[in-house]
Amino acid sequence: MNYAYKEKLYTRKRNLRALILLPVILCILFSSPFITFAIDPYDVIESGPPLITDEGILFRYKQKGESPRYVMVSGDFNRWENPIFMKENRHGVYVLLYNKEYEKAIVLNEGKYTYMYLVDGVWVKDYLNSKSVYDQYGTELSYFEVFTPIILLKNNPVKVNHNKYIFYYENVSAKNVYIAGDFNNWNPFSLPMRKNKSGIWEVELDIPQGSYSYRFIVDGIHRKDPLGMTRVQDRFGDEVSYLTLPFE
């Protein structure tokens, strides 16, 4: 058996293995509700359970038979407040990419999140999602699961309750991050931040009503808040982040 023939045979076997594995990979990828790359909602062809992407949560609904007049969605992810209209794309699929355009911040921790669709005024479960639970009234609700916290931010901080706020800072390569400002007399070491499962640094602070200047200290270097809406100059002429609480 000469070298050229053996090389041709090896290439044929390698291509055959690739053809066998490709459908398996595609099946795993598109049957999973957890996709880490961006998806254009208007290119979605089929209905299915929500997809969790880098840009938000993608809901997709396509009714069997005649297309409905309108479709909305609501659930734990938006605290069951104000169902959100979904848009029909060119394939007849109603889609919604729930991202930070709808709220100042989306913070979904690990757990189950129930939801339902409002189709022409009637609440229905997601018929293509096999995961469901019953609420206290006996209504069947669809749900999706979050295994790694989803944090999509428009600006800092995120209000928890009354005087409690969470500040976030994204820097995956940082070894340590602190926050310092008027609220802790600019002590550079008293408020360490911790890295959560999403790789984002966070700290929860109890801050009374008022106006505050602050900065992050990243591996010993002072940094402005990239999510801060306002910046001012301190008495030394350096630019710092600035906020007024209560933060709504």
C-alpha atoms as a PDB file:
ATOM      1  CA  MET A   1       0.000   0.000   0.000  1.00  0.00           C
ATOM      2  CA  ASN A   2       1.681   3.230  -1.148  1.00  0.00           C
ATOM      3  CA  TYR A   3       1.758   6.464   0.855  1.00  0.00           C
ATOM      4  CA  ALA A   4      -0.688   8.385  -1.391  1.00  0.00           C
ATOM      5  CA  TYR A   5      -3.328   5.651  -1.076  1.00  0.00           C
ATOM      6  CA  LYS A   6      -2.945   5.486   2.731  1.00  0.00           C
ATOM      7  CA  GLU A   7      -3.284   9.269   2.986  1.00  0.00           C
ATOM      8  CA  LYS A   8      -6.445   9.168   0.828  1.00  0.00           C
ATOM      9  CA  LEU A   9      -7.915   6.384   2.998  1.00  0.00           C
ATOM     10  CA  TYR A  10      -7.134   8.300   6.211  1.00  0.00           C
ATOM     11  CA  THR A  11      -8.768  11.471   4.850  1.00  0.00           C
ATOM     12  CA  ARG A  12     -11.895   9.525   3.869  1.00  0.00           C
ATOM     13  CA  LYS A  13     -12.194   7.998   7.364  1.00  0.00           C
ATOM     14  CA  ARG A  14     -11.695  11.392   9.014  1.00  0.00           C
ATOM     15  CA  ASN A  15     -14.409  12.976   6.867  1.00  0.00           C
ATOM     16  CA  LEU A  16     -16.755  10.072   7.627  1.00  0.00           C
ATOM     17  CA  ARG A  17     -16.264  10.556  11.380  1.00  0.00           C
ATOM     18  CA  ALA A  18     -17.006  14.264  10.986  1.00  0.00           C
ATOM     19  CA  LEU A  19     -20.228  13.519   9.105  1.00  0.00           C
ATOM     20  CA  ILE A  20     -21.317  11.096  11.822  1.00  0.00           C
ATOM     21  CA  LEU A  21     -20.560  13.513  14.668  1.00  0.00           C
ATOM     22  CA  LEU A  22     -22.052  16.630  13.049  1.00  0.00           C
ATOM     23  CA  PRO A  23     -25.743  15.728  13.544  1.00  0.00           C
ATOM     24  CA  VAL A  24     -25.024  14.726  17.164  1.00  0.00           C
ATOM     25  CA  ILE A  25     -23.302  18.051  17.874  1.00  0.00           C
ATOM     26  CA  LEU A  26     -26.088  20.048  16.219  1.00  0.00           C
ATOM     27  CA  CYS A  27     -28.723  18.109  18.129  1.00  0.00           C
ATOM     28  CA  ILE A  28     -27.038  18.794  21.467  1.00  0.00           C
ATOM     29  CA  LEU A  29     -26.430  22.434  20.622  1.00  0.00           C
ATOM     30  CA  PHE A  30     -29.895  23.393  19.446  1.00  0.00           C
ATOM     31  CA  SER A  31     -31.871  21.249  21.882  1.00  0.00           C
ATOM     32  CA  SER A  32     -30.174  22.899  24.850  1.00  0.00           C
ATOM     33  CA  PRO A  33     -31.765  26.015  26.372  1.00  0.00           C
ATOM     34  CA  PHE A  34     -28.304  27.402  27.096  1.00  0.00           C
ATOM     35  CA  ILE A  35     -26.598  29.007  24.105  1.00  0.00           C
ATOM     36  CA  THR A  36     -23.615  31.272  24.723  1.00  0.00           C
ATOM     37  CA  PHE A  37     -23.473  33.095  21.391  1.00  0.00           C
ATOM     38  CA  ALA A  38     -25.684  35.863  20.041  1.00  0.00           C
ATOM     39  CA  ILE A  39     -28.819  34.982  18.067  1.00  0.00           C
ATOM     40  CA  ASP A  40     -30.778  37.347  15.855  1.00  0.00           C
ATOM     41  CA  PRO A  41     -34.437  36.974  16.949  1.00  0.00           C
ATOM     42  CA  TYR A  42     -35.614  37.695  13.433  1.00  0.00           C
ATOM     43  CA  ASP A  43     -33.718  34.707  12.067  1.00  0.00           C
ATOM     44  CA  VAL A  44     -35.388  32.247  14.476  1.00  0.00           C
ATOM     45  CA  ILE A  45     -37.261  29.654  12.433  1.00  0.00           C
ATOM     46  CA  GLU A  46     -38.886  27.423  15.046  1.00  0.00           C
ATOM     47  CA  SER A  47     -40.637  27.796  18.362  1.00  0.00           C
ATOM     48  CA  GLY A  48     -39.157  26.206  21.472  1.00  0.00           C
ATOM     49  CA  PRO A  49     -38.170  26.684  25.123  1.00  0.00           C
ATOM     50  CA  PRO A  50     -36.397  29.936  26.076  1.00  0.00           C
ATOM     51  CA  LEU A  51     -32.762  30.237  25.060  1.00  0.00           C
ATOM     52  CA  ILE A  52     -30.304  31.866  27.431  1.00  0.00           C
ATOM     53  CA  THR A  53     -27.740  33.840  25.432  1.00  0.00           C
ATOM     54  CA  ASP A  54     -24.969  36.332  26.126  1.00  0.00           C
ATOM     55  CA  GLU A  55     -27.413  39.107  25.247  1.00  0.00           C
ATOM     56  CA  GLY A  56     -30.411  38.021  27.295  1.00  0.00           C
ATOM     57  CA  ILE A  57     -33.246  35.487  27.351  1.00  0.00           C
ATOM     58  CA  LEU A  58     -34.778  34.675  23.975  1.00  0.00           C
ATOM     59  CA  PHE A  59     -38.449  33.671  24.077  1.00  0.00           C
ATOM     60  CA  ARG A  60     -39.926  32.163  20.904  1.00  0.00           C
ATOM     61  CA  TYR A  61     -43.518  31.133  20.284  1.00  0.00           C
ATOM     62  CA  LYS A  62     -45.249  29.878  17.140  1.00  0.00           C
ATOM     63  CA  GLN A  63     -48.838  28.797  17.337  1.00  0.00           C
ATOM     64  CA  LYS A  64     -50.083  25.757  15.492  1.00  0.00           C
ATOM     65  CA  GLY A  65     -52.551  26.667  12.778  1.00  0.00           C
ATOM     66  CA  GLU A  66     -53.709  30.247  12.326  1.00  0.00           C
ATOM     67  CA  SER A  67     -51.338  32.946  13.554  1.00  0.00           C
ATOM     68  CA  PRO A  68     -52.594  34.839  16.645  1.00  0.00           C
ATOM     69  CA  ARG A  69     -53.277  38.573  16.690  1.00  0.00           C
ATOM     70  CA  TYR A  70     -50.770  39.131  19.468  1.00  0.00           C
ATOM     71  CA  VAL A  71     -48.528  37.232  21.897  1.00  0.00           C
ATOM     72  CA  MET A  72     -47.123  38.476  25.194  1.00  0.00           C
ATOM     73  CA  VAL A  73     -44.955  36.828  27.838  1.00  0.00           C
ATOM     74  CA  SER A  74     -44.544  37.248  31.581  1.00  0.00           C
ATOM     75  CA  GLY A  75     -43.085  35.276  34.466  1.00  0.00           C
ATOM     76  CA  ASP A  76     -40.723  35.217  37.401  1.00  0.00           C
ATOM     77  CA  PHE A  77     -38.040  36.879  35.270  1.00  0.00           C
ATOM     78  CA  ASN A  78     -40.021  40.169  35.288  1.00  0.00           C
ATOM     79  CA  ARG A  79     -41.839  39.458  38.572  1.00  0.00           C
ATOM     80  CA  TRP A  80     -45.059  38.738  36.618  1.00  0.00           C
ATOM     81  CA  GLU A  81     -45.423  42.464  36.042  1.00  0.00           C
ATOM     82  CA  ASN A  82     -46.732  44.004  32.817  1.00  0.00           C
ATOM     83  CA  PRO A  83     -46.657  41.211  30.186  1.00  0.00           C
ATOM     84  CA  ILE A  84     -44.277  42.149  27.367  1.00  0.00           C
ATOM     85  CA  PHE A  85     -45.363  42.164  23.719  1.00  0.00           C
ATOM     86  CA  MET A  86     -43.490  39.806  21.416  1.00  0.00           C
ATOM     87  CA  LYS A  87     -42.840  40.624  17.748  1.00  0.00           C
ATOM     88  CA  GLU A  88     -43.653  38.312  14.855  1.00  0.00           C
ATOM     89  CA  ASN A  89     -40.602  37.733  12.683  1.00  0.00           C
ATOM     90  CA  ARG A  90     -40.443  36.888   8.989  1.00  0.00           C
ATOM     91  CA  HIS A  91     -40.860  33.170   9.751  1.00  0.00           C
ATOM     92  CA  GLY A  92     -44.110  33.644  11.671  1.00  0.00           C
ATOM     93  CA  VAL A  93     -42.417  33.101  15.048  1.00  0.00           C
ATOM     94  CA  TYR A  94     -43.207  35.528  17.865  1.00  0.00           C
ATOM     95  CA  VAL A  95     -39.907  36.470  19.502  1.00  0.00           C
ATOM     96  CA  LEU A  96     -38.654  38.537  22.412  1.00  0.00           C
ATOM     97  CA  LEU A  97     -35.045  39.051  23.460  1.00  0.00           C
ATOM     98  CA  TYR A  98     -35.454  40.070  27.092  1.00  0.00           C
ATOM     99  CA  ASN A  99     -32.371  42.141  27.834  1.00  0.00           C
ATOM    100  CA  LYS A 100     -31.273  45.296  29.635  1.00  0.00           C
ATOM    101  CA  GLU A 101     -33.359  47.466  27.304  1.00  0.00           C
ATOM    102  CA  TYR A 102     -36.394  46.451  29.363  1.00  0.00           C
ATOM    103  CA  GLU A 103     -34.925  47.148  32.812  1.00  0.00           C
ATOM    104  CA  LYS A 104     -31.909  48.929  34.317  1.00  0.00           C
ATOM    105  CA  ALA A 105     -30.555  45.509  35.236  1.00  0.00           C
ATOM    106  CA  ILE A 106     -31.428  41.859  34.834  1.00  0.00           C
ATOM    107  CA  VAL A 107     -30.111  39.703  37.618  1.00  0.00           C
ATOM    108  CA  LEU A 108     -31.271  36.093  37.578  1.00  0.00           C
ATOM    109  CA  ASN A 109     -29.627  33.844  40.126  1.00  0.00           C
ATOM    110  CA  GLU A 110     -29.531  30.073  39.958  1.00  0.00           C
ATOM    111  CA  GLY A 111     -32.933  28.423  40.069  1.00  0.00           C
ATOM    112  CA  LYS A 112     -36.204  27.826  38.240  1.00  0.00           C
ATOM    113  CA  TYR A 113     -38.136  30.642  36.571  1.00  0.00           C
ATOM    114  CA  THR A 114     -41.767  30.059  35.643  1.00  0.00           C
ATOM    115  CA  TYR A 115     -43.445  31.835  32.743  1.00  0.00           C
ATOM    116  CA  MET A 116     -46.519  31.753  30.491  1.00  0.00           C
ATOM    117  CA  TYR A 117     -47.590  33.237  27.186  1.00  0.00           C
ATOM    118  CA  LEU A 118     -50.623  35.491  26.810  1.00  0.00           C
ATOM    119  CA  VAL A 119     -52.040  34.610  23.386  1.00  0.00           C
ATOM    120  CA  ASP A 120     -54.979  36.728  22.216  1.00  0.00           C
ATOM    121  CA  GLY A 121     -55.945  37.320  25.840  1.00  0.00           C
ATOM    122  CA  VAL A 122     -55.604  33.701  26.990  1.00  0.00           C
ATOM    123  CA  TRP A 123     -52.767  32.502  29.238  1.00  0.00           C
ATOM    124  CA  VAL A 124     -51.136  29.320  27.903  1.00  0.00           C
ATOM    125  CA  LYS A 125     -48.106  27.239  28.877  1.00  0.00           C
ATOM    126  CA  ASP A 126     -45.230  26.710  26.475  1.00  0.00           C
ATOM    127  CA  TYR A 127     -46.421  23.604  24.635  1.00  0.00           C
ATOM    128  CA  LEU A 128     -42.889  22.850  23.394  1.00  0.00           C
ATOM    129  CA  ASN A 129     -41.332  22.991  26.849  1.00  0.00           C
ATOM    130  CA  SER A 130     -41.651  19.707  28.750  1.00  0.00           C
ATOM    131  CA  LYS A 131     -40.601  21.376  32.014  1.00  0.00           C
ATOM    132  CA  SER A 132     -43.592  22.560  34.029  1.00  0.00           C
ATOM    133  CA  VAL A 133     -44.846  22.969  37.601  1.00  0.00           C
ATOM    134  CA  TYR A 134     -48.223  23.692  39.178  1.00  0.00           C
ATOM    135  CA  ASP A 135     -48.794  26.813  41.233  1.00  0.00           C
ATOM    136  CA  GLN A 136     -50.933  27.043  44.373  1.00  0.00           C
ATOM    137  CA  TYR A 137     -54.065  27.510  42.261  1.00  0.00           C
ATOM    138  CA  GLY A 138     -53.455  24.385  40.188  1.00  0.00           C
ATOM    139  CA  THR A 139     -52.336  26.281  37.072  1.00  0.00           C
ATOM    140  CA  GLU A 140     -49.632  24.581  35.049  1.00  0.00           C
ATOM    141  CA  LEU A 141     -46.673  26.898  34.428  1.00  0.00           C
ATOM    142  CA  SER A 142     -43.715  26.356  32.125  1.00  0.00           C
ATOM    143  CA  TYR A 143     -40.253  27.038  33.507  1.00  0.00           C
ATOM    144  CA  PHE A 144     -36.634  27.377  32.474  1.00  0.00           C
ATOM    145  CA  GLU A 145     -33.603  26.859  34.679  1.00  0.00           C
ATOM    146  CA  VAL A 146     -30.601  29.089  35.308  1.00  0.00           C
ATOM    147  CA  PHE A 147     -27.423  27.287  36.338  1.00  0.00           C
ATOM    148  CA  THR A 148     -25.025  30.233  36.152  1.00  0.00           C
ATOM    149  CA  PRO A 149     -26.257  33.680  37.270  1.00  0.00           C
ATOM    150  CA  ILE A 150     -27.338  35.974  34.432  1.00  0.00           C
ATOM    151  CA  ILE A 151     -26.295  39.573  35.008  1.00  0.00           C
ATOM    152  CA  LEU A 152     -27.027  42.164  32.341  1.00  0.00           C
ATOM    153  CA  LEU A 153     -26.531  45.738  33.466  1.00  0.00           C
ATOM    154  CA  LYS A 154     -27.361  49.149  32.095  1.00  0.00           C
ATOM    155  CA  ASN A 155     -25.972  51.103  35.031  1.00  0.00           C
ATOM    156  CA  ASN A 156     -24.792  50.763  38.650  1.00  0.00           C
ATOM    157  CA  PRO A 157     -25.931  50.122  41.326  1.00  0.00           C
ATOM    158  CA  VAL A 158     -28.839  47.664  41.428  1.00  0.00           C
ATOM    159  CA  LYS A 159     -31.331  48.370  44.214  1.00  0.00           C
ATOM    160  CA  VAL A 160     -32.142  45.393  46.451  1.00  0.00           C
ATOM    161  CA  ASN A 161     -34.437  47.081  48.956  1.00  0.00           C
ATOM    162  CA  HIS A 162     -34.718  50.304  51.010  1.00  0.00           C
ATOM    163  CA  ASN A 163     -31.042  51.317  51.491  1.00  0.00           C
ATOM    164  CA  LYS A 164     -29.373  48.177  50.121  1.00  0.00           C
ATOM    165  CA  TYR A 165     -27.663  48.279  46.717  1.00  0.00           C
ATOM    166  CA  ILE A 166     -25.407  45.918  44.771  1.00  0.00           C
ATOM    167  CA  PHE A 167     -22.478  47.311  42.794  1.00  0.00           C
ATOM    168  CA  TYR A 168     -21.049  45.232  39.953  1.00  0.00           C
ATOM    169  CA  TYR A 169     -17.712  45.426  38.168  1.00  0.00           C
ATOM    170  CA  GLU A 170     -16.726  43.256  35.216  1.00  0.00           C
ATOM    171  CA  ASN A 171     -13.077  42.302  34.838  1.00  0.00           C
ATOM    172  CA  VAL A 172     -12.384  38.580  34.499  1.00  0.00           C
ATOM    173  CA  SER A 173      -8.607  38.951  34.764  1.00  0.00           C
ATOM    174  CA  ALA A 174      -8.591  41.036  37.967  1.00  0.00           C
ATOM    175  CA  LYS A 175      -7.167  39.386  41.080  1.00  0.00           C
ATOM    176  CA  ASN A 176      -8.869  41.669  43.593  1.00  0.00           C
ATOM    177  CA  VAL A 177     -11.377  44.507  43.382  1.00  0.00           C
ATOM    178  CA  TYR A 178     -12.466  46.980  46.058  1.00  0.00           C
ATOM    179  CA  ILE A 179     -14.901  49.865  46.030  1.00  0.00           C
ATOM    180  CA  ALA A 180     -14.216  53.106  47.875  1.00  0.00           C
ATOM    181  CA  GLY A 181     -16.072  56.389  48.121  1.00  0.00           C
ATOM    182  CA  ASP A 182     -17.745  58.948  50.299  1.00  0.00           C
ATOM    183  CA  PHE A 183     -19.873  56.187  51.821  1.00  0.00           C
ATOM    184  CA  ASN A 184     -16.823  54.591  53.521  1.00  0.00           C
ATOM    185  CA  ASN A 185     -14.584  57.669  53.877  1.00  0.00           C
ATOM    186  CA  TRP A 186     -12.562  56.480  50.868  1.00  0.00           C
ATOM    187  CA  ASN A 187     -11.053  53.559  52.776  1.00  0.00           C
ATOM    188  CA  PRO A 188      -9.427  51.517  49.953  1.00  0.00           C
ATOM    189  CA  PHE A 189      -9.561  48.174  51.789  1.00  0.00           C
ATOM    190  CA  SER A 190     -12.768  48.098  53.857  1.00  0.00           C
ATOM    191  CA  LEU A 191     -15.148  47.045  51.038  1.00  0.00           C
ATOM    192  CA  PRO A 192     -13.747  44.078  49.084  1.00  0.00           C
ATOM    193  CA  MET A 193     -15.825  42.758  46.199  1.00  0.00           C
ATOM    194  CA  ARG A 194     -16.285  39.059  45.453  1.00  0.00           C
ATOM    195  CA  LYS A 195     -16.358  37.330  42.106  1.00  0.00           C
ATOM    196  CA  ASN A 196     -19.680  35.548  41.485  1.00  0.00           C
ATOM    197  CA  LYS A 197     -20.300  32.474  39.344  1.00  0.00           C
ATOM    198  CA  SER A 198     -20.693  34.659  36.251  1.00  0.00           C
ATOM    199  CA  GLY A 199     -17.168  35.993  36.770  1.00  0.00           C
ATOM    200  CA  ILE A 200     -18.472  39.450  37.706  1.00  0.00           C
ATOM    201  CA  TRP A 201     -17.305  41.222  40.846  1.00  0.00           C
ATOM    202  CA  GLU A 202     -20.064  42.324  43.230  1.00  0.00           C
ATOM    203  CA  VAL A 203     -20.628  43.830  46.659  1.00  0.00           C
ATOM    204  CA  GLU A 204     -23.829  44.651  48.547  1.00  0.00           C
ATOM    205  CA  LEU A 205     -23.793  47.893  50.494  1.00  0.00           C
ATOM    206  CA  ASP A 206     -26.164  49.573  52.906  1.00  0.00           C
ATOM    207  CA  ILE A 207     -26.042  53.239  51.869  1.00  0.00           C
ATOM    208  CA  PRO A 208     -28.310  55.978  53.261  1.00  0.00           C
ATOM    209  CA  GLN A 209     -29.999  58.513  51.017  1.00  0.00           C
ATOM    210  CA  GLY A 210     -27.591  61.120  49.653  1.00  0.00           C
ATOM    211  CA  SER A 211     -25.020  61.925  46.955  1.00  0.00           C
ATOM    212  CA  TYR A 212     -21.719  60.053  46.742  1.00  0.00           C
ATOM    213  CA  SER A 213     -18.510  59.995  44.734  1.00  0.00           C
ATOM    214  CA  TYR A 214     -16.782  56.618  44.373  1.00  0.00           C
ATOM    215  CA  ARG A 215     -14.278  54.517  42.441  1.00  0.00           C
ATOM    216  CA  PHE A 216     -13.281  50.909  42.006  1.00  0.00           C
ATOM    217  CA  ILE A 217      -9.776  49.815  42.963  1.00  0.00           C
ATOM    218  CA  VAL A 218      -8.718  47.047  40.596  1.00  0.00           C
ATOM    219  CA  ASP A 219      -5.455  45.324  41.469  1.00  0.00           C
ATOM    220  CA  GLY A 220      -4.331  48.529  43.186  1.00  0.00           C
ATOM    221  CA  ILE A 221      -5.354  50.842  40.314  1.00  0.00           C
ATOM    222  CA  HIS A 222      -8.206  53.338  40.675  1.00  0.00           C
ATOM    223  CA  ARG A 223     -10.890  52.909  38.000  1.00  0.00           C
ATOM    224  CA  LYS A 224     -14.058  54.838  37.194  1.00  0.00           C
ATOM    225  CA  ASP A 225     -17.326  52.917  37.042  1.00  0.00           C
ATOM    226  CA  PRO A 226     -17.915  51.987  33.370  1.00  0.00           C
ATOM    227  CA  LEU A 227     -21.616  51.659  34.232  1.00  0.00           C
ATOM    228  CA  GLY A 228     -21.786  54.928  36.156  1.00  0.00           C
ATOM    229  CA  MET A 229     -24.159  57.441  34.612  1.00  0.00           C
ATOM    230  CA  THR A 230     -22.475  60.564  36.063  1.00  0.00           C
ATOM    231  CA  ARG A 231     -18.870  61.618  36.596  1.00  0.00           C
ATOM    232  CA  VAL A 232     -17.441  64.620  38.405  1.00  0.00           C
ATOM    233  CA  GLN A 233     -14.013  65.943  39.328  1.00  0.00           C
ATOM    234  CA  ASP A 234     -12.766  65.579  42.882  1.00  0.00           C
ATOM    235  CA  ARG A 235     -10.795  68.257  44.760  1.00  0.00           C
ATOM    236  CA  PHE A 236      -7.589  67.017  43.140  1.00  0.00           C
ATOM    237  CA  GLY A 237      -9.008  67.413  39.638  1.00  0.00           C
ATOM    238  CA  ASP A 238      -9.353  63.659  39.055  1.00  0.00           C
ATOM    239  CA  GLU A 239     -12.522  62.276  37.492  1.00  0.00           C
ATOM    240  CA  VAL A 240     -14.634  60.030  39.726  1.00  0.00           C
ATOM    241  CA  SER A 241     -18.016  58.335  39.425  1.00  0.00           C
ATOM    242  CA  TYR A 242     -20.952  60.020  41.124  1.00  0.00           C
ATOM    243  CA  LEU A 243     -24.469  58.985  42.088  1.00  0.00           C
ATOM    244  CA  THR A 244     -27.467  60.214  44.044  1.00  0.00           C
ATOM    245  CA  LEU A 245     -29.581  57.846  46.137  1.00  0.00           C
ATOM    246  CA  PRO A 246     -32.305  56.683  46.299  1.00  0.00           C
ATOM    247  CA  PHE A 247     -31.440  55.224  42.923  1.00  0.00           C
ATOM    248  CA  GLU A 248     -34.597  54.470  40.885  1.00  0.00           C
END
